[in-house]
Amino acid sequence: MSAVVFVIVVAAVPLLWLIGTYNGLVRLRNHCRESWSGIDTELKRRYDLIPRLVEVVKGYAKHEREVFERVAQARSTAVNSNGSPASQARDENALVGAMKGLFAVVERYPDLKASGHFLALQAELVNTEDRIAAARRFYNANVRDFNTRREVFPANLLAGLFKFEREEFFEVEDRTVRAAPNVQV
């Protein structure tokens, strides 16, 4: 009788390890996907704020058409970006760069900088940038945990067998873009 129990235990331990490891990888992958949706939500929030901010600035700086067009084009590209996190990060870099041009225009118009509507939009944008940064940190932490789990031995054998692909970090390449846009009042 004890030999039968021993065989069952010896067979059950690897099976339980396989089930636990597989379920752990699935759970971590789902955490990555969920946290990516948090970034996506915050980016959409930013995309909705930008046209309102541009309209306010347009009211004061009608002759700055090139800047407005650059922001609109960068926003359109970023909104339509549905690729990998690295691809979306490139589009976000371009948008933040265009926004810097918009805020450079704002600096030339003291009345605009004092406008209550502009200040409210500006504060909302800064808040949104902070939320994007927090969501990016959360997502990247989940990616780190998932990638570590799928790369360590012996879980990497199971990850390879079931084709758990490495997740990409959502990173901003340019150090000046890593910070929220400078929107001093």
C-alpha atoms as a PDB file:
ATOM      1  CA  MET A   1       0.000   0.000   0.000  1.00  0.00           C
ATOM      2  CA  SER A   2       2.764   2.473   0.823  1.00  0.00           C
ATOM      3  CA  ALA A   3       4.413   1.873  -2.573  1.00  0.00           C
ATOM      4  CA  VAL A   4       1.189   2.914  -4.307  1.00  0.00           C
ATOM      5  CA  VAL A   5       0.995   6.093  -2.211  1.00  0.00           C
ATOM      6  CA  PHE A   6       4.636   6.820  -2.987  1.00  0.00           C
ATOM      7  CA  VAL A   7       4.034   6.442  -6.747  1.00  0.00           C
ATOM      8  CA  ILE A   8       0.958   8.683  -6.565  1.00  0.00           C
ATOM      9  CA  VAL A   9       2.894  11.358  -4.657  1.00  0.00           C
ATOM     10  CA  VAL A  10       5.847  11.157  -7.030  1.00  0.00           C
ATOM     11  CA  ALA A  11       3.501  11.534 -10.010  1.00  0.00           C
ATOM     12  CA  ALA A  12       1.396  14.261  -8.378  1.00  0.00           C
ATOM     13  CA  VAL A  13       4.250  16.599  -7.368  1.00  0.00           C
ATOM     14  CA  PRO A  14       5.428  17.352 -10.923  1.00  0.00           C
ATOM     15  CA  LEU A  15       1.841  17.639 -12.120  1.00  0.00           C
ATOM     16  CA  LEU A  16       1.023  20.117  -9.352  1.00  0.00           C
ATOM     17  CA  TRP A  17       4.199  22.071 -10.182  1.00  0.00           C
ATOM     18  CA  LEU A  18       3.169  22.211 -13.873  1.00  0.00           C
ATOM     19  CA  ILE A  19      -0.314  23.420 -13.012  1.00  0.00           C
ATOM     20  CA  GLY A  20       0.950  25.992 -10.500  1.00  0.00           C
ATOM     21  CA  THR A  21       3.637  27.337 -12.820  1.00  0.00           C
ATOM     22  CA  TYR A  22       1.298  27.549 -15.806  1.00  0.00           C
ATOM     23  CA  ASN A  23      -1.385  29.309 -13.762  1.00  0.00           C
ATOM     24  CA  GLY A  24       1.218  31.696 -12.322  1.00  0.00           C
ATOM     25  CA  LEU A  25       2.396  32.642 -15.817  1.00  0.00           C
ATOM     26  CA  VAL A  26      -1.191  33.192 -16.970  1.00  0.00           C
ATOM     27  CA  ARG A  27      -1.906  35.329 -13.894  1.00  0.00           C
ATOM     28  CA  LEU A  28       1.193  37.490 -14.450  1.00  0.00           C
ATOM     29  CA  ARG A  29       0.439  37.870 -18.166  1.00  0.00           C
ATOM     30  CA  ASN A  30      -3.067  39.025 -17.292  1.00  0.00           C
ATOM     31  CA  HIS A  31      -1.644  41.523 -14.783  1.00  0.00           C
ATOM     32  CA  CYS A  32       0.459  42.951 -17.636  1.00  0.00           C
ATOM     33  CA  ARG A  33      -2.574  43.252 -19.887  1.00  0.00           C
ATOM     34  CA  GLU A  34      -4.670  44.821 -17.151  1.00  0.00           C
ATOM     35  CA  SER A  35      -1.983  47.349 -16.269  1.00  0.00           C
ATOM     36  CA  TRP A  36      -1.534  48.190 -19.953  1.00  0.00           C
ATOM     37  CA  SER A  37      -5.219  49.072 -20.092  1.00  0.00           C
ATOM     38  CA  GLY A  38      -4.534  51.505 -17.225  1.00  0.00           C
ATOM     39  CA  ILE A  39      -1.926  53.260 -19.355  1.00  0.00           C
ATOM     40  CA  ASP A  40      -4.296  53.236 -22.313  1.00  0.00           C
ATOM     41  CA  THR A  41      -7.028  54.873 -20.213  1.00  0.00           C
ATOM     42  CA  GLU A  42      -4.710  57.654 -19.070  1.00  0.00           C
ATOM     43  CA  LEU A  43      -3.389  58.232 -22.595  1.00  0.00           C
ATOM     44  CA  LYS A  44      -6.954  58.590 -23.884  1.00  0.00           C
ATOM     45  CA  ARG A  45      -7.582  61.106 -21.118  1.00  0.00           C
ATOM     46  CA  ARG A  46      -4.561  63.089 -22.334  1.00  0.00           C
ATOM     47  CA  TYR A  47      -5.739  62.862 -25.942  1.00  0.00           C
ATOM     48  CA  ASP A  48      -9.097  64.324 -24.920  1.00  0.00           C
ATOM     49  CA  LEU A  49      -7.476  67.235 -23.065  1.00  0.00           C
ATOM     50  CA  ILE A  50      -5.102  68.286 -25.828  1.00  0.00           C
ATOM     51  CA  PRO A  51      -7.678  69.600 -28.332  1.00  0.00           C
ATOM     52  CA  ARG A  52      -9.313  71.688 -25.604  1.00  0.00           C
ATOM     53  CA  LEU A  53      -5.950  73.120 -24.616  1.00  0.00           C
ATOM     54  CA  VAL A  54      -5.063  73.849 -28.244  1.00  0.00           C
ATOM     55  CA  GLU A  55      -8.378  75.669 -28.762  1.00  0.00           C
ATOM     56  CA  VAL A  56      -7.714  77.921 -25.779  1.00  0.00           C
ATOM     57  CA  VAL A  57      -4.215  78.723 -27.020  1.00  0.00           C
ATOM     58  CA  LYS A  58      -5.535  79.325 -30.558  1.00  0.00           C
ATOM     59  CA  GLY A  59      -7.785  82.047 -29.207  1.00  0.00           C
ATOM     60  CA  TYR A  60      -4.709  83.996 -28.120  1.00  0.00           C
ATOM     61  CA  ALA A  61      -2.159  82.966 -30.741  1.00  0.00           C
ATOM     62  CA  LYS A  62      -3.980  82.667 -34.029  1.00  0.00           C
ATOM     63  CA  HIS A  63      -0.821  83.056 -36.153  1.00  0.00           C
ATOM     64  CA  GLU A  64       0.935  79.983 -34.619  1.00  0.00           C
ATOM     65  CA  ARG A  65      -0.740  77.591 -37.079  1.00  0.00           C
ATOM     66  CA  GLU A  66       2.333  75.417 -37.652  1.00  0.00           C
ATOM     67  CA  VAL A  67       2.573  74.563 -33.950  1.00  0.00           C
ATOM     68  CA  PHE A  68      -1.126  73.662 -33.794  1.00  0.00           C
ATOM     69  CA  GLU A  69      -0.828  71.456 -36.870  1.00  0.00           C
ATOM     70  CA  ARG A  70       2.204  69.668 -35.417  1.00  0.00           C
ATOM     71  CA  VAL A  71       0.325  68.982 -32.163  1.00  0.00           C
ATOM     72  CA  ALA A  72      -2.760  67.800 -34.058  1.00  0.00           C
ATOM     73  CA  GLN A  73      -0.690  65.465 -36.257  1.00  0.00           C
ATOM     74  CA  ALA A  74       1.260  64.033 -33.304  1.00  0.00           C
ATOM     75  CA  ARG A  75      -1.963  63.547 -31.341  1.00  0.00           C
ATOM     76  CA  SER A  76      -3.628  61.810 -34.297  1.00  0.00           C
ATOM     77  CA  THR A  77      -0.646  59.486 -34.696  1.00  0.00           C
ATOM     78  CA  ALA A  78      -0.607  58.682 -30.974  1.00  0.00           C
ATOM     79  CA  VAL A  79      -4.381  58.109 -30.816  1.00  0.00           C
ATOM     80  CA  ASN A  80      -4.206  55.682 -33.737  1.00  0.00           C
ATOM     81  CA  SER A  81      -1.144  53.853 -32.434  1.00  0.00           C
ATOM     82  CA  ASN A  82      -2.136  50.315 -31.549  1.00  0.00           C
ATOM     83  CA  GLY A  83       1.193  48.571 -31.864  1.00  0.00           C
ATOM     84  CA  SER A  84       3.585  47.278 -29.285  1.00  0.00           C
ATOM     85  CA  PRO A  85       4.429  49.310 -26.184  1.00  0.00           C
ATOM     86  CA  ALA A  86       7.725  50.330 -27.824  1.00  0.00           C
ATOM     87  CA  SER A  87       5.870  51.574 -30.918  1.00  0.00           C
ATOM     88  CA  GLN A  88       3.375  53.487 -28.813  1.00  0.00           C
ATOM     89  CA  ALA A  89       6.196  54.964 -26.730  1.00  0.00           C
ATOM     90  CA  ARG A  90       7.744  56.405 -29.932  1.00  0.00           C
ATOM     91  CA  ASP A  91       4.429  58.012 -30.851  1.00  0.00           C
ATOM     92  CA  GLU A  92       4.052  59.362 -27.320  1.00  0.00           C
ATOM     93  CA  ASN A  93       7.559  60.851 -27.519  1.00  0.00           C
ATOM     94  CA  ALA A  94       6.552  62.743 -30.655  1.00  0.00           C
ATOM     95  CA  LEU A  95       3.365  64.004 -28.999  1.00  0.00           C
ATOM     96  CA  VAL A  96       5.194  65.244 -25.907  1.00  0.00           C
ATOM     97  CA  GLY A  97       7.714  66.993 -28.159  1.00  0.00           C
ATOM     98  CA  ALA A  98       4.908  68.731 -30.047  1.00  0.00           C
ATOM     99  CA  MET A  99       3.309  69.741 -26.747  1.00  0.00           C
ATOM    100  CA  LYS A 100       6.588  71.351 -25.712  1.00  0.00           C
ATOM    101  CA  GLY A 101       6.281  73.539 -28.815  1.00  0.00           C
ATOM    102  CA  LEU A 102       2.746  74.475 -27.780  1.00  0.00           C
ATOM    103  CA  PHE A 103       3.896  75.465 -24.301  1.00  0.00           C
ATOM    104  CA  ALA A 104       6.710  77.507 -25.821  1.00  0.00           C
ATOM    105  CA  VAL A 105       4.005  79.495 -27.637  1.00  0.00           C
ATOM    106  CA  VAL A 106       2.144  79.947 -24.361  1.00  0.00           C
ATOM    107  CA  GLU A 107       5.216  81.534 -22.803  1.00  0.00           C
ATOM    108  CA  ARG A 108       4.953  84.391 -25.319  1.00  0.00           C
ATOM    109  CA  TYR A 109       1.405  85.307 -24.256  1.00  0.00           C
ATOM    110  CA  PRO A 110       1.106  86.565 -20.664  1.00  0.00           C
ATOM    111  CA  ASP A 111      -2.678  87.025 -20.969  1.00  0.00           C
ATOM    112  CA  LEU A 112      -3.025  83.393 -21.954  1.00  0.00           C
ATOM    113  CA  LYS A 113      -0.901  82.232 -19.033  1.00  0.00           C
ATOM    114  CA  ALA A 114      -3.248  84.122 -16.705  1.00  0.00           C
ATOM    115  CA  SER A 115      -6.457  82.759 -18.255  1.00  0.00           C
ATOM    116  CA  GLY A 116      -8.495  80.748 -15.759  1.00  0.00           C
ATOM    117  CA  HIS A 117      -9.642  78.292 -18.412  1.00  0.00           C
ATOM    118  CA  PHE A 118      -6.070  77.734 -19.598  1.00  0.00           C
ATOM    119  CA  LEU A 119      -4.831  77.300 -16.025  1.00  0.00           C
ATOM    120  CA  ALA A 120      -7.530  74.726 -15.303  1.00  0.00           C
ATOM    121  CA  LEU A 121      -6.675  72.747 -18.458  1.00  0.00           C
ATOM    122  CA  GLN A 122      -2.987  73.042 -17.689  1.00  0.00           C
ATOM    123  CA  ALA A 123      -3.497  71.684 -14.164  1.00  0.00           C
ATOM    124  CA  GLU A 124      -5.583  68.825 -15.541  1.00  0.00           C
ATOM    125  CA  LEU A 125      -2.860  67.975 -18.062  1.00  0.00           C
ATOM    126  CA  VAL A 126      -0.187  67.957 -15.355  1.00  0.00           C
ATOM    127  CA  ASN A 127      -2.411  65.669 -13.248  1.00  0.00           C
ATOM    128  CA  THR A 128      -2.914  63.388 -16.238  1.00  0.00           C
ATOM    129  CA  GLU A 129       0.834  63.245 -16.907  1.00  0.00           C
ATOM    130  CA  ASP A 130       1.371  62.191 -13.293  1.00  0.00           C
ATOM    131  CA  ARG A 131      -1.272  59.495 -13.693  1.00  0.00           C
ATOM    132  CA  ILE A 132       0.366  58.254 -16.904  1.00  0.00           C
ATOM    133  CA  ALA A 133       3.715  58.046 -15.115  1.00  0.00           C
ATOM    134  CA  ALA A 134       2.161  56.069 -12.248  1.00  0.00           C
ATOM    135  CA  ALA A 135       0.385  53.714 -14.671  1.00  0.00           C
ATOM    136  CA  ARG A 136       3.642  53.252 -16.609  1.00  0.00           C
ATOM    137  CA  ARG A 137       5.508  52.323 -13.404  1.00  0.00           C
ATOM    138  CA  PHE A 138       2.759  49.832 -12.468  1.00  0.00           C
ATOM    139  CA  TYR A 139       2.764  48.286 -15.942  1.00  0.00           C
ATOM    140  CA  ASN A 140       6.545  48.033 -16.096  1.00  0.00           C
ATOM    141  CA  ALA A 141       6.626  46.368 -12.658  1.00  0.00           C
ATOM    142  CA  ASN A 142       4.136  43.757 -13.900  1.00  0.00           C
ATOM    143  CA  VAL A 143       6.188  43.233 -17.064  1.00  0.00           C
ATOM    144  CA  ARG A 144       9.329  42.790 -14.959  1.00  0.00           C
ATOM    145  CA  ASP A 145       7.618  40.185 -12.762  1.00  0.00           C
ATOM    146  CA  PHE A 146       6.198  38.301 -15.737  1.00  0.00           C
ATOM    147  CA  ASN A 147       9.448  38.317 -17.710  1.00  0.00           C
ATOM    148  CA  THR A 148      11.431  37.207 -14.670  1.00  0.00           C
ATOM    149  CA  ARG A 149       9.008  34.367 -14.003  1.00  0.00           C
ATOM    150  CA  ARG A 150       9.027  33.168 -17.602  1.00  0.00           C
ATOM    151  CA  GLU A 151      12.846  33.308 -17.835  1.00  0.00           C
ATOM    152  CA  VAL A 152      13.885  31.516 -14.629  1.00  0.00           C
ATOM    153  CA  PHE A 153      14.629  27.824 -14.637  1.00  0.00           C
ATOM    154  CA  PRO A 154      12.659  25.539 -14.696  1.00  0.00           C
ATOM    155  CA  ALA A 155       9.618  27.730 -15.425  1.00  0.00           C
ATOM    156  CA  ASN A 156      11.292  28.829 -18.678  1.00  0.00           C
ATOM    157  CA  LEU A 157      10.828  25.295 -20.030  1.00  0.00           C
ATOM    158  CA  LEU A 158       7.096  25.466 -19.477  1.00  0.00           C
ATOM    159  CA  ALA A 159       6.918  29.070 -20.764  1.00  0.00           C
ATOM    160  CA  GLY A 160       8.646  28.007 -23.970  1.00  0.00           C
ATOM    161  CA  LEU A 161       6.429  24.978 -24.374  1.00  0.00           C
ATOM    162  CA  PHE A 162       3.248  27.061 -24.068  1.00  0.00           C
ATOM    163  CA  LYS A 163       4.671  30.022 -26.021  1.00  0.00           C
ATOM    164  CA  PHE A 164       4.507  32.670 -23.301  1.00  0.00           C
ATOM    165  CA  GLU A 165       6.160  35.555 -25.153  1.00  0.00           C
ATOM    166  CA  ARG A 166       8.304  38.177 -23.460  1.00  0.00           C
ATOM    167  CA  GLU A 167       6.371  41.374 -22.682  1.00  0.00           C
ATOM    168  CA  GLU A 168       7.755  44.781 -23.692  1.00  0.00           C
ATOM    169  CA  PHE A 169       8.328  47.603 -21.267  1.00  0.00           C
ATOM    170  CA  PHE A 170       6.680  50.954 -21.945  1.00  0.00           C
ATOM    171  CA  GLU A 171       9.684  53.219 -21.859  1.00  0.00           C
ATOM    172  CA  VAL A 172      10.308  56.760 -22.896  1.00  0.00           C
ATOM    173  CA  GLU A 173      13.635  57.051 -24.695  1.00  0.00           C
ATOM    174  CA  ASP A 174      14.498  60.730 -24.323  1.00  0.00           C
ATOM    175  CA  ARG A 175      15.282  61.850 -20.759  1.00  0.00           C
ATOM    176  CA  THR A 176      13.654  65.233 -21.392  1.00  0.00           C
ATOM    177  CA  VAL A 177      10.442  63.436 -22.315  1.00  0.00           C
ATOM    178  CA  ARG A 178      10.501  61.323 -19.140  1.00  0.00           C
ATOM    179  CA  ALA A 179       9.215  64.275 -17.140  1.00  0.00           C
ATOM    180  CA  ALA A 180       5.765  65.767 -17.536  1.00  0.00           C
ATOM    181  CA  PRO A 181       5.704  68.735 -19.899  1.00  0.00           C
ATOM    182  CA  ASN A 182       6.939  71.896 -18.247  1.00  0.00           C
ATOM    183  CA  VAL A 183       3.817  73.986 -17.816  1.00  0.00           C
ATOM    184  CA  GLN A 184       4.934  76.750 -15.502  1.00  0.00           C
ATOM    185  CA  VAL A 185       2.513  79.500 -14.685  1.00  0.00           C
END
